[in-house]
Amino acid sequence: MTWLGRSVSAVSASQPADLAPEPQAPADVAALIPMVRRIVGARVGAHPAADDLVQEILVRVLAASGRIEPGMLEPYAIVTARNVIASMWRGDDREKRNRHRVVDLRQPAEPDEQLLASEEHSEVAQALARLSKREREADHVQRWCRFATSVSGGASSGRHSADRPRERPASTRWRHRRPAYGP
């Protein structure tokens, strides 16, 4: 039969497309296992994740086998293997680049640190109980001043930042010092 000047083979419509038998995808995927193992072995060698990669590739191929034409299953498996392996290497590189962000450089807490802190707290409470009311108030004011100094960054001028004269930018200082030119 010819159509638009080209020969076209006739397609029999003996069975509707809905009733056409599905291809045997699991058997075809099982035949790909040795090839996928060779590809993964060539790309990653004796990497600990080699078997996991083979399984992931086969799962992806099996999931897509219904959408792939029967003769294209092997090329699809090859491309999938290449992409899965590349993703693994990219993930490893990203992990190496960001590993320094995970490290906690603080010293670990000593096991007896909480016990010592509670003992110190109880000793301070006993010492404060022996002080008179006036001495406790003076101690409170002194502690508050130390706290305020540490929070404000250790300002030693004794003045609050709102009370200090404001610094002018260099451009405005120059403008005020510039001599007047003219007649």
Protein backbone atom coordinates (compact mmCIF):
# COMPACT_ATOMS: atom_id res chain seq x y z
CA MET A 1 0.00 0.00 0.00
CA THR A 2 1.25 3.53 -0.75
CA TRP A 3 0.55 6.71 1.05
CA LEU A 4 1.94 10.09 0.00
CA GLY A 5 4.28 8.36 -2.42
CA ARG A 6 5.75 6.01 0.17
CA SER A 7 5.11 2.36 0.70
CA VAL A 8 3.48 1.57 4.02
CA SER A 9 2.86 -1.88 5.47
CA ALA A 10 -0.66 -2.74 6.45
CA VAL A 11 -1.42 -3.27 10.11
CA SER A 12 -3.92 -5.91 11.04
CA ALA A 13 -6.63 -4.82 13.40
CA SER A 14 -7.59 -8.29 14.54
CA GLN A 15 -7.16 -7.37 18.22
CA PRO A 16 -7.97 -4.07 19.84
CA ALA A 17 -5.02 -2.32 21.50
CA ASP A 18 -6.62 -2.79 24.92
CA LEU A 19 -6.52 -6.57 24.63
CA ALA A 20 -2.99 -6.86 23.22
CA PRO A 21 -0.77 -9.06 25.40
CA GLU A 22 1.72 -7.12 27.50
CA PRO A 23 5.40 -7.86 26.99
CA GLN A 24 7.13 -10.05 29.53
CA ALA A 25 9.04 -7.21 31.22
CA PRO A 26 10.40 -9.07 34.30
CA ALA A 27 12.07 -11.72 32.14
CA ASP A 28 13.61 -9.03 29.94
CA VAL A 29 14.85 -7.12 32.99
CA ALA A 30 16.30 -10.30 34.50
CA ALA A 31 18.30 -10.79 31.31
CA LEU A 32 19.85 -7.33 31.87
CA ILE A 33 21.37 -8.18 35.27
CA PRO A 34 24.80 -9.35 33.99
CA MET A 35 25.12 -6.35 31.69
CA VAL A 36 24.17 -3.90 34.48
CA ARG A 37 26.68 -5.57 36.84
CA ARG A 38 29.44 -5.16 34.22
CA ILE A 39 28.58 -1.49 33.70
CA VAL A 40 28.51 -0.74 37.42
CA GLY A 41 31.71 -2.73 38.01
CA ALA A 42 33.49 -0.82 35.26
CA ARG A 43 32.38 2.57 36.60
CA VAL A 44 32.69 2.14 40.37
CA GLY A 45 34.90 -0.91 40.83
CA ALA A 46 34.75 -2.44 44.30
CA HIS A 47 32.80 0.46 45.79
CA PRO A 48 30.67 -0.61 48.77
CA ALA A 49 27.53 0.73 47.06
CA ALA A 50 27.99 -1.31 43.84
CA ASP A 51 25.28 -3.87 44.65
CA ASP A 52 22.91 -1.11 45.76
CA LEU A 53 23.47 0.69 42.47
CA VAL A 54 22.69 -2.47 40.47
CA GLN A 55 19.46 -2.93 42.41
CA GLU A 56 18.44 0.71 41.99
CA ILE A 57 19.10 0.58 38.24
CA LEU A 58 17.09 -2.60 37.84
CA VAL A 59 14.19 -1.16 39.86
CA ARG A 60 14.12 1.94 37.67
CA VAL A 61 14.25 -0.12 34.48
CA LEU A 62 11.51 -2.43 35.76
CA ALA A 63 9.32 0.55 36.70
CA ALA A 64 9.71 2.05 33.22
CA SER A 65 9.50 -1.22 31.27
CA GLY A 66 5.83 -0.67 30.42
CA ARG A 67 6.63 2.62 28.66
CA ILE A 68 9.69 1.38 26.77
CA GLU A 69 9.55 -0.33 23.41
CA PRO A 70 10.69 -3.97 23.56
CA GLY A 71 13.97 -3.45 21.67
CA MET A 72 14.92 -0.32 23.62
CA LEU A 73 15.13 -1.87 27.10
CA GLU A 74 18.89 -2.48 26.94
CA PRO A 75 19.83 1.08 25.83
CA TYR A 76 17.48 2.46 28.48
CA ALA A 77 19.24 0.35 31.12
CA ILE A 78 22.65 1.62 29.96
CA VAL A 79 21.59 5.28 30.13
CA THR A 80 19.89 4.72 33.49
CA ALA A 81 23.05 3.11 34.84
CA ARG A 82 25.13 6.04 33.66
CA ASN A 83 22.76 8.56 35.29
CA VAL A 84 22.45 6.69 38.59
CA ILE A 85 26.23 6.30 38.88
CA ALA A 86 26.79 9.98 38.03
CA SER A 87 24.23 10.95 40.69
CA MET A 88 26.06 8.82 43.25
CA TRP A 89 29.42 10.49 42.48
CA ARG A 90 27.83 13.96 42.62
CA GLY A 91 26.29 13.13 46.00
CA ASP A 92 29.65 11.89 47.32
CA ASP A 93 31.36 15.07 46.13
CA ARG A 94 28.66 17.23 47.72
CA GLU A 95 29.05 15.32 50.98
CA LYS A 96 32.83 15.84 50.96
CA ARG A 97 32.44 19.55 50.23
CA ASN A 98 29.97 20.05 53.07
CA ARG A 99 31.53 17.72 55.63
CA HIS A 100 33.26 20.64 57.41
CA ARG A 101 29.85 22.12 58.20
CA VAL A 102 28.86 19.07 60.21
CA VAL A 103 31.87 19.04 62.54
CA ASP A 104 31.13 20.34 66.03
CA LEU A 105 34.29 21.99 67.35
CA ARG A 106 32.92 22.67 70.82
CA GLN A 107 34.34 20.66 73.68
CA PRO A 108 32.01 17.87 74.77
CA ALA A 109 30.37 18.33 78.15
CA GLU A 110 32.16 16.59 80.97
CA PRO A 111 30.07 13.93 82.71
CA ASP A 112 30.43 15.56 86.12
CA GLU A 113 29.90 19.13 84.87
CA GLN A 114 26.21 19.21 85.78
CA LEU A 115 26.96 17.86 89.27
CA LEU A 116 29.63 20.53 89.85
CA ALA A 117 27.29 23.27 88.61
CA SER A 118 24.51 22.18 90.97
CA GLU A 119 26.95 22.03 93.92
CA GLU A 120 28.27 25.50 93.10
CA HIS A 121 24.71 26.82 92.82
CA SER A 122 23.77 25.43 96.24
CA GLU A 123 26.97 26.87 97.82
CA VAL A 124 26.24 30.32 96.35
CA ALA A 125 22.66 30.12 97.62
CA GLN A 126 23.91 29.28 101.13
CA ALA A 127 26.44 32.13 101.06
CA LEU A 128 23.78 34.60 99.89
CA ALA A 129 21.48 33.46 102.69
CA ARG A 130 24.15 34.44 105.25
CA LEU A 131 24.41 38.00 103.83
CA SER A 132 22.34 40.88 105.13
CA LYS A 133 19.67 42.46 102.95
CA ARG A 134 21.89 45.45 102.12
CA GLU A 135 24.81 43.19 101.10
CA ARG A 136 22.48 41.09 98.90
CA GLU A 137 21.23 44.23 97.13
CA ALA A 138 24.80 45.42 96.56
CA ASP A 139 25.74 42.00 95.18
CA HIS A 140 22.71 42.08 92.90
CA VAL A 141 23.63 45.52 91.54
CA GLN A 142 27.22 44.40 90.97
CA ARG A 143 26.11 41.29 89.05
CA TRP A 144 23.69 43.34 86.95
CA CYS A 145 26.44 45.82 86.04
CA ARG A 146 28.76 42.97 84.97
CA PHE A 147 25.97 41.50 82.85
CA ALA A 148 25.13 44.86 81.24
CA THR A 149 28.80 45.46 80.43
CA SER A 150 29.17 42.03 78.83
CA VAL A 151 26.01 42.50 76.73
CA SER A 152 26.95 45.99 75.54
CA GLY A 153 30.36 44.82 74.38
CA GLY A 154 32.37 46.17 77.29
CA ALA A 155 31.80 49.88 76.70
CA SER A 156 34.19 51.51 79.14
CA SER A 157 33.14 55.11 78.67
CA GLY A 158 30.39 54.76 81.25
CA ARG A 159 27.89 56.42 78.92
CA HIS A 160 25.07 54.69 77.18
CA SER A 161 25.23 54.68 73.40
CA ALA A 162 22.25 57.05 73.21
CA ASP A 163 24.13 59.60 75.35
CA ARG A 164 27.34 59.54 73.29
CA PRO A 165 27.90 62.20 70.64
CA ARG A 166 27.13 60.84 67.20
CA GLU A 167 29.99 60.33 64.74
CA ARG A 168 29.52 62.07 61.45
CA PRO A 169 30.55 60.43 58.19
CA ALA A 170 33.78 61.71 56.67
CA SER A 171 31.93 63.39 53.81
CA THR A 172 29.95 65.68 56.15
CA ARG A 173 33.02 66.53 58.22
CA TRP A 174 34.79 67.70 55.08
CA ARG A 175 31.81 69.77 53.99
CA HIS A 176 31.84 71.70 57.27
CA ARG A 177 35.58 72.36 57.14
CA ARG A 178 35.68 73.49 53.52
CA PRO A 179 36.57 77.16 53.18
CA ALA A 180 34.04 79.37 51.48
CA TYR A 181 35.10 80.50 48.02
CA GLY A 182 33.70 83.48 46.37
CA PRO A 183 33.72 87.23 46.32
